[in-house]
Amino acid sequence: MFKKILIANRGEIACRAIKTARKMGIKTVAVYSEADRDALHKQMADEAVLIGPAPSAQSYLVMERIIQACKESGAEAVYPGYGFLSENAEFARRLAAEGIAFIGPNTHAIEAMGDKITSKKLAMEAGVSTIPGYTDVIKDAEHAVAIAAEVGYPVMLKASAGGGGKGMRVAWNEAECRDGFERASNEARASFGDDRVFIEKFIEEPRHIEIQVLADGQGTILYLNERECSIQRRHQKVIEEAPSPFIDPATRQAMGEQACALARAVDYQSAGTVEFIVDTARNFYFLEMNTRLQVENPVTEMITGQALVEWQLLVASGETL
């Protein structure tokens, strides 16, 4: 088990990680920006290191400063939480080069699941249900129109590097497809620095169901049932509900097994979430995998009694499920 870890985050998730580590007898190191001098996570930790000015781009997102804080404090591992560098494969790679453990999945899993086109191809290879569509990059608006005609309207245009509801447009006809392609690619370029767009069949009256998975990197992968987040505004989740009032036991098992199959395909370790879209007939299709703890993890903890942050620390230190 680790003796000391650094929490590369702030706010609720940093406090949660510190509280869990203390319960497990692990010393904690907080990092903070000049704006967070009086923040609770700084006060709770055993040690705290200033990593820069208020803007995140000059503090919490600067890998070198976090790595230097690890060296100064003697932290053996980094807990990334969610947001900031939690899904940055280069950060995990650089930590490994310094002999510092990343409390999360391997870099291959982070990179593969972080790209929607790559993740969909991997899901198909793993036998996971995927939405009908075109899994390669769309060249231009005319190419988008041609593909949409093959798939059949309505279609969803999505940014490959997208997230948080950005870079997504629904098209019901050719004119909307042309306009949607331009808008989705421009938004993706501005938000993610990557303008690649792909097309899927749009599922009408969808339910958004996500499966919580937990893997120890030594062959055991579990699914901890689902959370439903169908109530959204502008593709942003508003309410998380568990268990889902819509999913029956057979669908829950099938979704859980497919989520585990995808995790196994990338040798997953730690907590992760596989998101699906479900139609009115309970047919479900893979959307994406988040290779970190979700903000809404307490919802799963409430229905399972399992402490996900504690399990993340345990499996990262070599324990089995």
C-alpha atoms as a PDB file:
ATOM      1  CA  MET A   1       0.000   0.000   0.000  1.00  0.00           C
ATOM      2  CA  PHE A   2       1.149   3.554  -0.707  1.00  0.00           C
ATOM      3  CA  LYS A   3       2.530   5.524   2.216  1.00  0.00           C
ATOM      4  CA  LYS A   4       1.988   8.969   0.676  1.00  0.00           C
ATOM      5  CA  ILE A   5      -0.023  10.190  -2.326  1.00  0.00           C
ATOM      6  CA  LEU A   6      -0.471  13.553  -4.008  1.00  0.00           C
ATOM      7  CA  ILE A   7      -3.971  14.752  -4.922  1.00  0.00           C
ATOM      8  CA  ALA A   8      -3.772  16.570  -8.278  1.00  0.00           C
ATOM      9  CA  ASN A   9      -7.124  18.300  -7.885  1.00  0.00           C
ATOM     10  CA  ARG A  10      -9.175  20.559  -5.646  1.00  0.00           C
ATOM     11  CA  GLY A  11     -12.714  20.892  -4.334  1.00  0.00           C
ATOM     12  CA  GLU A  12     -15.045  18.019  -3.486  1.00  0.00           C
ATOM     13  CA  ILE A  13     -13.074  15.214  -5.114  1.00  0.00           C
ATOM     14  CA  ALA A  14      -9.798  16.301  -3.493  1.00  0.00           C
ATOM     15  CA  CYS A  15     -11.450  16.378  -0.069  1.00  0.00           C
ATOM     16  CA  ARG A  16     -13.015  12.983  -0.703  1.00  0.00           C
ATOM     17  CA  ALA A  17      -9.665  11.462  -1.701  1.00  0.00           C
ATOM     18  CA  ILE A  18      -7.917  12.946   1.331  1.00  0.00           C
ATOM     19  CA  LYS A  19     -10.623  11.652   3.674  1.00  0.00           C
ATOM     20  CA  THR A  20     -10.411   8.159   2.157  1.00  0.00           C
ATOM     21  CA  ALA A  21      -6.609   8.093   2.249  1.00  0.00           C
ATOM     22  CA  ARG A  22      -6.581   9.142   5.897  1.00  0.00           C
ATOM     23  CA  LYS A  23      -8.984   6.312   6.731  1.00  0.00           C
ATOM     24  CA  MET A  24      -6.557   3.910   5.009  1.00  0.00           C
ATOM     25  CA  GLY A  25      -3.513   5.288   6.848  1.00  0.00           C
ATOM     26  CA  ILE A  26      -2.061   7.015   3.774  1.00  0.00           C
ATOM     27  CA  LYS A  27      -0.426  10.458   4.076  1.00  0.00           C
ATOM     28  CA  THR A  28      -1.693  13.075   1.602  1.00  0.00           C
ATOM     29  CA  VAL A  29      -0.177  15.999  -0.257  1.00  0.00           C
ATOM     30  CA  ALA A  30      -2.465  18.718  -1.607  1.00  0.00           C
ATOM     31  CA  VAL A  31      -1.567  21.048  -4.446  1.00  0.00           C
ATOM     32  CA  TYR A  32      -3.136  24.478  -4.654  1.00  0.00           C
ATOM     33  CA  SER A  33      -3.098  27.645  -6.717  1.00  0.00           C
ATOM     34  CA  GLU A  34      -2.816  31.160  -5.303  1.00  0.00           C
ATOM     35  CA  ALA A  35      -6.618  31.400  -5.495  1.00  0.00           C
ATOM     36  CA  ASP A  36      -6.980  28.336  -3.266  1.00  0.00           C
ATOM     37  CA  ARG A  37      -4.750  29.349  -0.355  1.00  0.00           C
ATOM     38  CA  ASP A  38      -7.683  28.999   2.049  1.00  0.00           C
ATOM     39  CA  ALA A  39      -9.357  26.047   0.319  1.00  0.00           C
ATOM     40  CA  LEU A  40     -10.594  23.133   2.404  1.00  0.00           C
ATOM     41  CA  HIS A  41      -8.542  20.495   0.583  1.00  0.00           C
ATOM     42  CA  LYS A  42      -5.350  22.384   1.459  1.00  0.00           C
ATOM     43  CA  GLN A  43      -6.349  22.472   5.120  1.00  0.00           C
ATOM     44  CA  MET A  44      -7.307  18.784   5.232  1.00  0.00           C
ATOM     45  CA  ALA A  45      -4.118  17.369   3.698  1.00  0.00           C
ATOM     46  CA  ASP A  46      -1.004  16.467   5.684  1.00  0.00           C
ATOM     47  CA  GLU A  47       1.104  18.655   3.390  1.00  0.00           C
ATOM     48  CA  ALA A  48       0.354  21.264   0.727  1.00  0.00           C
ATOM     49  CA  VAL A  49       2.413  22.594  -2.185  1.00  0.00           C
ATOM     50  CA  LEU A  50       1.764  25.831  -4.083  1.00  0.00           C
ATOM     51  CA  ILE A  51       1.843  25.098  -7.827  1.00  0.00           C
ATOM     52  CA  GLY A  52       1.097  28.455  -9.429  1.00  0.00           C
ATOM     53  CA  PRO A  53      -1.249  31.395  -9.961  1.00  0.00           C
ATOM     54  CA  ALA A  54      -5.046  31.257 -10.076  1.00  0.00           C
ATOM     55  CA  PRO A  55      -5.632  30.260 -13.735  1.00  0.00           C
ATOM     56  CA  SER A  56      -5.802  26.463 -14.047  1.00  0.00           C
ATOM     57  CA  ALA A  57      -3.652  26.592 -17.175  1.00  0.00           C
ATOM     58  CA  GLN A  58      -0.858  27.984 -15.004  1.00  0.00           C
ATOM     59  CA  SER A  59      -1.313  25.645 -12.040  1.00  0.00           C
ATOM     60  CA  TYR A  60      -3.483  22.504 -11.982  1.00  0.00           C
ATOM     61  CA  LEU A  61      -2.870  21.757 -15.664  1.00  0.00           C
ATOM     62  CA  VAL A  62       0.921  22.201 -15.552  1.00  0.00           C
ATOM     63  CA  MET A  63       2.353  18.679 -15.429  1.00  0.00           C
ATOM     64  CA  GLU A  64       5.872  19.779 -14.538  1.00  0.00           C
ATOM     65  CA  ARG A  65       4.716  21.537 -11.384  1.00  0.00           C
ATOM     66  CA  ILE A  66       2.712  18.573 -10.172  1.00  0.00           C
ATOM     67  CA  ILE A  67       5.601  16.196 -10.845  1.00  0.00           C
ATOM     68  CA  GLN A  68       7.958  18.559  -9.026  1.00  0.00           C
ATOM     69  CA  ALA A  69       5.535  18.652  -6.082  1.00  0.00           C
ATOM     70  CA  CYS A  70       5.690  14.847  -5.971  1.00  0.00           C
ATOM     71  CA  LYS A  71       9.479  14.935  -5.870  1.00  0.00           C
ATOM     72  CA  GLU A  72       9.584  17.610  -3.176  1.00  0.00           C
ATOM     73  CA  SER A  73       7.066  15.825  -0.959  1.00  0.00           C
ATOM     74  CA  GLY A  74       8.114  12.239  -1.616  1.00  0.00           C
ATOM     75  CA  ALA A  75       4.670  11.234  -2.878  1.00  0.00           C
ATOM     76  CA  GLU A  76       4.678   7.752  -4.419  1.00  0.00           C
ATOM     77  CA  ALA A  77       1.502   8.150  -6.454  1.00  0.00           C
ATOM     78  CA  VAL A  78      -0.877  10.749  -7.881  1.00  0.00           C
ATOM     79  CA  TYR A  79      -4.646  10.656  -7.510  1.00  0.00           C
ATOM     80  CA  PRO A  80      -6.085  12.734 -10.393  1.00  0.00           C
ATOM     81  CA  GLY A  81      -9.794  12.854  -9.474  1.00  0.00           C
ATOM     82  CA  TYR A  82     -11.921  14.106 -12.377  1.00  0.00           C
ATOM     83  CA  GLY A  83     -11.308  16.978 -14.758  1.00  0.00           C
ATOM     84  CA  PHE A  84      -7.887  18.635 -15.074  1.00  0.00           C
ATOM     85  CA  LEU A  85      -5.323  15.921 -15.979  1.00  0.00           C
ATOM     86  CA  SER A  86      -7.434  12.887 -15.049  1.00  0.00           C
ATOM     87  CA  GLU A  87      -7.768  11.642 -18.654  1.00  0.00           C
ATOM     88  CA  ASN A  88      -4.424  12.866 -19.962  1.00  0.00           C
ATOM     89  CA  ALA A  89      -2.342   9.910 -21.138  1.00  0.00           C
ATOM     90  CA  GLU A  90       0.791  12.027 -21.452  1.00  0.00           C
ATOM     91  CA  PHE A  91       0.537  12.956 -17.769  1.00  0.00           C
ATOM     92  CA  ALA A  92       0.296   9.286 -16.772  1.00  0.00           C
ATOM     93  CA  ARG A  93       3.224   8.500 -19.068  1.00  0.00           C
ATOM     94  CA  ARG A  94       5.411  11.227 -17.579  1.00  0.00           C
ATOM     95  CA  LEU A  95       4.613  10.133 -14.041  1.00  0.00           C
ATOM     96  CA  ALA A  96       5.634   6.581 -14.901  1.00  0.00           C
ATOM     97  CA  ALA A  97       8.922   7.862 -16.323  1.00  0.00           C
ATOM     98  CA  GLU A  98       9.629   9.442 -12.916  1.00  0.00           C
ATOM     99  CA  GLY A  99       8.709   6.268 -11.035  1.00  0.00           C
ATOM    100  CA  ILE A 100       5.464   7.762  -9.731  1.00  0.00           C
ATOM    101  CA  ALA A 101       2.265   5.699  -9.903  1.00  0.00           C
ATOM    102  CA  PHE A 102      -0.843   7.073 -11.617  1.00  0.00           C
ATOM    103  CA  ILE A 103      -3.964   6.044  -9.712  1.00  0.00           C
ATOM    104  CA  GLY A 104      -6.029   5.190 -12.754  1.00  0.00           C
ATOM    105  CA  PRO A 105      -5.955   3.118 -15.955  1.00  0.00           C
ATOM    106  CA  ASN A 106      -3.032   2.487 -18.301  1.00  0.00           C
ATOM    107  CA  THR A 107      -2.120   4.984 -21.010  1.00  0.00           C
ATOM    108  CA  HIS A 108      -3.428   2.735 -23.806  1.00  0.00           C
ATOM    109  CA  ALA A 109      -6.902   2.681 -22.249  1.00  0.00           C
ATOM    110  CA  ILE A 110      -6.897   6.447 -21.709  1.00  0.00           C
ATOM    111  CA  GLU A 111      -5.863   7.171 -25.298  1.00  0.00           C
ATOM    112  CA  ALA A 112      -8.098   4.571 -26.951  1.00  0.00           C
ATOM    113  CA  MET A 113     -11.232   5.528 -25.029  1.00  0.00           C
ATOM    114  CA  GLY A 114     -10.502   9.254 -25.279  1.00  0.00           C
ATOM    115  CA  ASP A 115     -11.048   9.191 -29.039  1.00  0.00           C
ATOM    116  CA  LYS A 116     -14.641   8.448 -30.057  1.00  0.00           C
ATOM    117  CA  ILE A 117     -13.753   6.972 -33.446  1.00  0.00           C
ATOM    118  CA  THR A 118     -11.066   4.672 -32.020  1.00  0.00           C
ATOM    119  CA  SER A 119     -13.235   3.670 -29.063  1.00  0.00           C
ATOM    120  CA  LYS A 120     -16.169   2.778 -31.306  1.00  0.00           C
ATOM    121  CA  LYS A 121     -13.955   0.566 -33.485  1.00  0.00           C
ATOM    122  CA  LEU A 122     -12.566  -1.163 -30.379  1.00  0.00           C
ATOM    123  CA  ALA A 123     -16.082  -1.629 -29.036  1.00  0.00           C
ATOM    124  CA  MET A 124     -17.173  -3.299 -32.274  1.00  0.00           C
ATOM    125  CA  GLU A 125     -14.157  -5.635 -32.128  1.00  0.00           C
ATOM    126  CA  ALA A 126     -15.025  -6.502 -28.508  1.00  0.00           C
ATOM    127  CA  GLY A 127     -18.580  -7.467 -29.456  1.00  0.00           C
ATOM    128  CA  VAL A 128     -20.187  -4.397 -27.911  1.00  0.00           C
ATOM    129  CA  SER A 129     -23.378  -3.064 -29.512  1.00  0.00           C
ATOM    130  CA  THR A 130     -22.714   0.173 -31.407  1.00  0.00           C
ATOM    131  CA  ILE A 131     -24.933   2.677 -33.189  1.00  0.00           C
ATOM    132  CA  PRO A 132     -25.079   2.132 -36.979  1.00  0.00           C
ATOM    133  CA  GLY A 133     -23.015   4.737 -38.772  1.00  0.00           C
ATOM    134  CA  TYR A 134     -19.719   5.644 -40.393  1.00  0.00           C
ATOM    135  CA  THR A 135     -16.719   5.098 -38.130  1.00  0.00           C
ATOM    136  CA  ASP A 136     -14.094   6.873 -40.208  1.00  0.00           C
ATOM    137  CA  VAL A 137     -13.457  10.613 -40.415  1.00  0.00           C
ATOM    138  CA  ILE A 138     -15.849  12.646 -42.575  1.00  0.00           C
ATOM    139  CA  LYS A 139     -13.825  14.634 -45.134  1.00  0.00           C
ATOM    140  CA  ASP A 140     -16.178  17.552 -45.802  1.00  0.00           C
ATOM    141  CA  ALA A 141     -19.840  18.600 -45.923  1.00  0.00           C
ATOM    142  CA  GLU A 142     -20.509  16.800 -49.214  1.00  0.00           C
ATOM    143  CA  HIS A 143     -19.007  13.609 -47.816  1.00  0.00           C
ATOM    144  CA  ALA A 144     -21.215  14.033 -44.740  1.00  0.00           C
ATOM    145  CA  VAL A 145     -24.333  14.311 -46.918  1.00  0.00           C
ATOM    146  CA  ALA A 146     -23.400  11.168 -48.854  1.00  0.00           C
ATOM    147  CA  ILE A 147     -22.799   9.172 -45.658  1.00  0.00           C
ATOM    148  CA  ALA A 148     -26.012  10.458 -44.062  1.00  0.00           C
ATOM    149  CA  ALA A 149     -27.979   9.291 -47.093  1.00  0.00           C
ATOM    150  CA  GLU A 150     -26.543   5.788 -46.627  1.00  0.00           C
ATOM    151  CA  VAL A 151     -27.164   5.709 -42.866  1.00  0.00           C
ATOM    152  CA  GLY A 152     -30.636   7.237 -43.180  1.00  0.00           C
ATOM    153  CA  TYR A 153     -31.980  10.388 -41.534  1.00  0.00           C
ATOM    154  CA  PRO A 154     -32.082  11.509 -38.804  1.00  0.00           C
ATOM    155  CA  VAL A 155     -28.353  11.362 -38.070  1.00  0.00           C
ATOM    156  CA  MET A 156     -26.085  12.647 -35.320  1.00  0.00           C
ATOM    157  CA  LEU A 157     -22.824  14.381 -36.253  1.00  0.00           C
ATOM    158  CA  LYS A 158     -20.249  14.052 -33.473  1.00  0.00           C
ATOM    159  CA  ALA A 159     -16.768  15.361 -32.799  1.00  0.00           C
ATOM    160  CA  SER A 160     -14.318  12.498 -32.333  1.00  0.00           C
ATOM    161  CA  ALA A 161     -12.545  14.314 -29.505  1.00  0.00           C
ATOM    162  CA  GLY A 162     -15.802  15.692 -28.106  1.00  0.00           C
ATOM    163  CA  GLY A 163     -17.208  15.665 -24.635  1.00  0.00           C
ATOM    164  CA  GLY A 164     -19.605  17.582 -22.441  1.00  0.00           C
ATOM    165  CA  GLY A 165     -22.151  17.843 -25.231  1.00  0.00           C
ATOM    166  CA  LYS A 166     -19.860  19.910 -27.450  1.00  0.00           C
ATOM    167  CA  GLY A 167     -19.376  19.175 -31.139  1.00  0.00           C
ATOM    168  CA  MET A 168     -22.752  17.441 -31.548  1.00  0.00           C
ATOM    169  CA  ARG A 169     -25.491  18.223 -34.085  1.00  0.00           C
ATOM    170  CA  VAL A 170     -28.659  16.382 -35.144  1.00  0.00           C
ATOM    171  CA  ALA A 171     -29.591  16.532 -38.836  1.00  0.00           C
ATOM    172  CA  TRP A 172     -33.004  15.596 -40.221  1.00  0.00           C
ATOM    173  CA  ASN A 173     -32.269  16.432 -43.851  1.00  0.00           C
ATOM    174  CA  GLU A 174     -29.500  17.289 -46.317  1.00  0.00           C
ATOM    175  CA  ALA A 175     -29.443  21.018 -45.557  1.00  0.00           C
ATOM    176  CA  GLU A 176     -29.190  20.414 -41.809  1.00  0.00           C
ATOM    177  CA  CYS A 177     -26.457  17.848 -42.433  1.00  0.00           C
ATOM    178  CA  ARG A 178     -24.301  20.348 -44.332  1.00  0.00           C
ATOM    179  CA  ASP A 179     -24.844  23.032 -41.710  1.00  0.00           C
ATOM    180  CA  GLY A 180     -24.417  20.570 -38.848  1.00  0.00           C
ATOM    181  CA  PHE A 181     -21.118  19.303 -40.218  1.00  0.00           C
ATOM    182  CA  GLU A 182     -19.666  22.814 -40.413  1.00  0.00           C
ATOM    183  CA  ARG A 183     -20.922  23.749 -36.951  1.00  0.00           C
ATOM    184  CA  ALA A 184     -19.800  20.497 -35.304  1.00  0.00           C
ATOM    185  CA  SER A 185     -16.327  20.611 -36.850  1.00  0.00           C
ATOM    186  CA  ASN A 186     -15.856  24.311 -36.019  1.00  0.00           C
ATOM    187  CA  GLU A 187     -16.997  23.797 -32.426  1.00  0.00           C
ATOM    188  CA  ALA A 188     -14.755  20.753 -32.078  1.00  0.00           C
ATOM    189  CA  ARG A 189     -11.764  22.670 -33.421  1.00  0.00           C
ATOM    190  CA  ALA A 190     -12.374  25.553 -31.011  1.00  0.00           C
ATOM    191  CA  SER A 191     -13.069  23.349 -27.970  1.00  0.00           C
ATOM    192  CA  PHE A 192     -10.689  20.432 -28.458  1.00  0.00           C
ATOM    193  CA  GLY A 193      -8.188  21.464 -31.135  1.00  0.00           C
ATOM    194  CA  ASP A 194      -9.419  18.516 -33.219  1.00  0.00           C
ATOM    195  CA  ASP A 195     -12.045  19.003 -35.936  1.00  0.00           C
ATOM    196  CA  ARG A 196     -12.629  15.338 -36.863  1.00  0.00           C
ATOM    197  CA  VAL A 197     -16.317  14.482 -37.123  1.00  0.00           C
ATOM    198  CA  PHE A 198     -18.136  11.180 -37.633  1.00  0.00           C
ATOM    199  CA  ILE A 199     -21.786  10.254 -38.248  1.00  0.00           C
ATOM    200  CA  GLU A 200     -24.173   7.904 -36.459  1.00  0.00           C
ATOM    201  CA  LYS A 201     -27.846   7.118 -36.761  1.00  0.00           C
ATOM    202  CA  PHE A 202     -29.777   9.374 -34.375  1.00  0.00           C
ATOM    203  CA  ILE A 203     -31.676   7.352 -31.782  1.00  0.00           C
ATOM    204  CA  GLU A 204     -35.061   8.977 -31.164  1.00  0.00           C
ATOM    205  CA  GLU A 205     -36.522   9.181 -27.639  1.00  0.00           C
ATOM    206  CA  PRO A 206     -33.259   7.868 -26.172  1.00  0.00           C
ATOM    207  CA  ARG A 207     -32.414   6.953 -22.619  1.00  0.00           C
ATOM    208  CA  HIS A 208     -28.870   7.682 -21.445  1.00  0.00           C
ATOM    209  CA  ILE A 209     -27.648   4.830 -19.238  1.00  0.00           C
ATOM    210  CA  GLU A 210     -24.106   4.444 -17.915  1.00  0.00           C
ATOM    211  CA  ILE A 211     -22.515   1.372 -16.365  1.00  0.00           C
ATOM    212  CA  GLN A 212     -19.968   1.705 -13.563  1.00  0.00           C
ATOM    213  CA  VAL A 213     -17.068  -0.710 -13.960  1.00  0.00           C
ATOM    214  CA  LEU A 214     -14.239  -1.558 -11.593  1.00  0.00           C
ATOM    215  CA  ALA A 215     -11.154  -3.528 -12.627  1.00  0.00           C
ATOM    216  CA  ASP A 216      -8.027  -4.585 -10.759  1.00  0.00           C
ATOM    217  CA  GLY A 217      -5.750  -4.981 -13.782  1.00  0.00           C
ATOM    218  CA  GLN A 218      -5.184  -8.615 -12.813  1.00  0.00           C
ATOM    219  CA  GLY A 219      -8.105 -10.187 -14.625  1.00  0.00           C
ATOM    220  CA  THR A 220     -11.098  -9.294 -12.481  1.00  0.00           C
ATOM    221  CA  ILE A 221     -13.579  -6.790 -13.914  1.00  0.00           C
ATOM    222  CA  LEU A 222     -16.897  -6.056 -12.229  1.00  0.00           C
ATOM    223  CA  TYR A 223     -19.876  -3.922 -13.152  1.00  0.00           C
ATOM    224  CA  LEU A 224     -21.637  -2.092 -10.340  1.00  0.00           C
ATOM    225  CA  ASN A 225     -24.948  -1.659 -12.138  1.00  0.00           C
ATOM    226  CA  GLU A 226     -26.187   1.477 -13.830  1.00  0.00           C
ATOM    227  CA  ARG A 227     -26.945   5.146 -13.418  1.00  0.00           C
ATOM    228  CA  GLU A 228     -29.559   6.794 -15.614  1.00  0.00           C
ATOM    229  CA  CYS A 229     -28.877  10.354 -16.718  1.00  0.00           C
ATOM    230  CA  SER A 230     -31.570  10.836 -19.365  1.00  0.00           C
ATOM    231  CA  ILE A 231     -32.746  14.170 -17.957  1.00  0.00           C
ATOM    232  CA  GLN A 232     -30.341  16.601 -19.605  1.00  0.00           C
ATOM    233  CA  ARG A 233     -30.106  20.187 -20.792  1.00  0.00           C
ATOM    234  CA  ARG A 234     -27.980  20.911 -23.853  1.00  0.00           C
ATOM    235  CA  HIS A 235     -26.518  17.401 -23.611  1.00  0.00           C
ATOM    236  CA  GLN A 236     -25.417  18.103 -20.029  1.00  0.00           C
ATOM    237  CA  LYS A 237     -26.628  15.753 -17.284  1.00  0.00           C
ATOM    238  CA  VAL A 238     -29.031  17.294 -14.791  1.00  0.00           C
ATOM    239  CA  ILE A 239     -30.192  14.306 -12.717  1.00  0.00           C
ATOM    240  CA  GLU A 240     -28.543  10.933 -12.048  1.00  0.00           C
ATOM    241  CA  GLU A 241     -30.823   8.118 -10.925  1.00  0.00           C
ATOM    242  CA  ALA A 242     -29.916   4.615  -9.779  1.00  0.00           C
ATOM    243  CA  PRO A 243     -31.148   2.062 -10.326  1.00  0.00           C
ATOM    244  CA  SER A 244     -32.770   3.084 -13.613  1.00  0.00           C
ATOM    245  CA  PRO A 245     -36.577   2.800 -13.567  1.00  0.00           C
ATOM    246  CA  PHE A 246     -36.444   1.794 -17.254  1.00  0.00           C
ATOM    247  CA  ILE A 247     -33.888  -1.026 -17.319  1.00  0.00           C
ATOM    248  CA  ASP A 248     -34.999  -4.600 -16.616  1.00  0.00           C
ATOM    249  CA  PRO A 249     -32.705  -7.285 -15.106  1.00  0.00           C
ATOM    250  CA  ALA A 250     -31.906  -8.936 -18.452  1.00  0.00           C
ATOM    251  CA  THR A 251     -30.920  -5.622 -20.075  1.00  0.00           C
ATOM    252  CA  ARG A 252     -28.898  -4.637 -17.001  1.00  0.00           C
ATOM    253  CA  GLN A 253     -26.927  -7.881 -17.175  1.00  0.00           C
ATOM    254  CA  ALA A 254     -26.337  -7.600 -20.926  1.00  0.00           C
ATOM    255  CA  MET A 255     -25.149  -3.993 -20.616  1.00  0.00           C
ATOM    256  CA  GLY A 256     -22.902  -4.857 -17.681  1.00  0.00           C
ATOM    257  CA  GLU A 257     -21.328  -7.782 -19.499  1.00  0.00           C
ATOM    258  CA  GLN A 258     -20.642  -5.675 -22.590  1.00  0.00           C
ATOM    259  CA  ALA A 259     -19.152  -2.887 -20.456  1.00  0.00           C
ATOM    260  CA  CYS A 260     -16.796  -5.443 -18.883  1.00  0.00           C
ATOM    261  CA  ALA A 261     -15.901  -6.831 -22.321  1.00  0.00           C
ATOM    262  CA  LEU A 262     -14.850  -3.368 -23.472  1.00  0.00           C
ATOM    263  CA  ALA A 263     -12.815  -2.806 -20.303  1.00  0.00           C
ATOM    264  CA  ARG A 264     -11.099  -6.146 -20.846  1.00  0.00           C
ATOM    265  CA  ALA A 265     -10.253  -5.203 -24.443  1.00  0.00           C
ATOM    266  CA  VAL A 266      -8.042  -2.351 -23.202  1.00  0.00           C
ATOM    267  CA  ASP A 267      -6.664  -4.137 -20.095  1.00  0.00           C
ATOM    268  CA  TYR A 268      -8.528  -1.692 -17.906  1.00  0.00           C
ATOM    269  CA  GLN A 269      -7.596  -0.993 -14.295  1.00  0.00           C
ATOM    270  CA  SER A 270      -9.390   1.262 -11.786  1.00  0.00           C
ATOM    271  CA  ALA A 271     -12.897   2.727 -11.869  1.00  0.00           C
ATOM    272  CA  GLY A 272     -14.451   3.717 -15.182  1.00  0.00           C
ATOM    273  CA  THR A 273     -17.815   4.375 -16.774  1.00  0.00           C
ATOM    274  CA  VAL A 274     -19.168   2.944 -20.019  1.00  0.00           C
ATOM    275  CA  GLU A 275     -21.992   5.051 -21.424  1.00  0.00           C
ATOM    276  CA  PHE A 276     -24.808   3.669 -23.563  1.00  0.00           C
ATOM    277  CA  ILE A 277     -27.830   5.087 -25.331  1.00  0.00           C
ATOM    278  CA  VAL A 278     -30.989   2.973 -25.091  1.00  0.00           C
ATOM    279  CA  ASP A 279     -34.027   3.118 -27.380  1.00  0.00           C
ATOM    280  CA  THR A 280     -37.680   2.578 -26.476  1.00  0.00           C
ATOM    281  CA  ALA A 281     -37.373  -1.178 -27.135  1.00  0.00           C
ATOM    282  CA  ARG A 282     -34.398  -1.411 -24.724  1.00  0.00           C
ATOM    283  CA  ASN A 283     -31.882  -1.933 -27.520  1.00  0.00           C
ATOM    284  CA  PHE A 284     -28.668  -0.356 -26.265  1.00  0.00           C
ATOM    285  CA  TYR A 285     -25.668   1.091 -28.071  1.00  0.00           C
ATOM    286  CA  PHE A 286     -22.190   2.131 -26.910  1.00  0.00           C
ATOM    287  CA  LEU A 287     -21.497   5.863 -26.692  1.00  0.00           C
ATOM    288  CA  GLU A 288     -18.167   6.302 -24.914  1.00  0.00           C
ATOM    289  CA  MET A 289     -16.052   5.282 -21.950  1.00  0.00           C
ATOM    290  CA  ASN A 290     -14.837   7.719 -19.308  1.00  0.00           C
ATOM    291  CA  THR A 291     -11.493   6.527 -17.961  1.00  0.00           C
ATOM    292  CA  ARG A 292     -11.817   8.178 -14.558  1.00  0.00           C
ATOM    293  CA  LEU A 293     -14.157   8.473 -11.641  1.00  0.00           C
ATOM    294  CA  GLN A 294     -17.369  10.313 -12.526  1.00  0.00           C
ATOM    295  CA  VAL A 295     -18.611  13.354 -10.623  1.00  0.00           C
ATOM    296  CA  GLU A 296     -21.746  11.320  -9.928  1.00  0.00           C
ATOM    297  CA  ASN A 297     -19.928   8.337  -8.362  1.00  0.00           C
ATOM    298  CA  PRO A 298     -21.710   8.739  -4.983  1.00  0.00           C
ATOM    299  CA  VAL A 299     -24.966   7.642  -6.659  1.00  0.00           C
ATOM    300  CA  THR A 300     -23.435   4.221  -7.357  1.00  0.00           C
ATOM    301  CA  GLU A 301     -21.886   4.084  -3.890  1.00  0.00           C
ATOM    302  CA  MET A 302     -25.310   4.660  -2.347  1.00  0.00           C
ATOM    303  CA  ILE A 303     -26.883   1.648  -4.092  1.00  0.00           C
ATOM    304  CA  THR A 304     -23.919  -0.744  -3.832  1.00  0.00           C
ATOM    305  CA  GLY A 305     -22.250   0.193  -0.550  1.00  0.00           C
ATOM    306  CA  GLN A 306     -18.868   0.141  -2.298  1.00  0.00           C
ATOM    307  CA  ALA A 307     -16.365   2.984  -1.760  1.00  0.00           C
ATOM    308  CA  LEU A 308     -15.024   3.630  -5.256  1.00  0.00           C
ATOM    309  CA  VAL A 309     -12.173   5.946  -4.274  1.00  0.00           C
ATOM    310  CA  GLU A 310     -10.948   3.391  -1.748  1.00  0.00           C
ATOM    311  CA  TRP A 311     -11.031   0.686  -4.425  1.00  0.00           C
ATOM    312  CA  GLN A 312      -9.093   2.939  -6.798  1.00  0.00           C
ATOM    313  CA  LEU A 313      -6.329   3.264  -4.224  1.00  0.00           C
ATOM    314  CA  LEU A 314      -6.351  -0.454  -3.447  1.00  0.00           C
ATOM    315  CA  VAL A 315      -6.106  -1.704  -7.033  1.00  0.00           C
ATOM    316  CA  ALA A 316      -3.492   0.925  -7.927  1.00  0.00           C
ATOM    317  CA  SER A 317      -1.312  -0.467  -5.132  1.00  0.00           C
ATOM    318  CA  GLY A 318      -1.670  -4.012  -6.469  1.00  0.00           C
ATOM    319  CA  GLU A 319      -4.636  -5.354  -4.509  1.00  0.00           C
ATOM    320  CA  THR A 320      -7.199  -7.590  -6.211  1.00  0.00           C
ATOM    321  CA  LEU A 321     -10.961  -7.181  -6.177  1.00  0.00           C
END
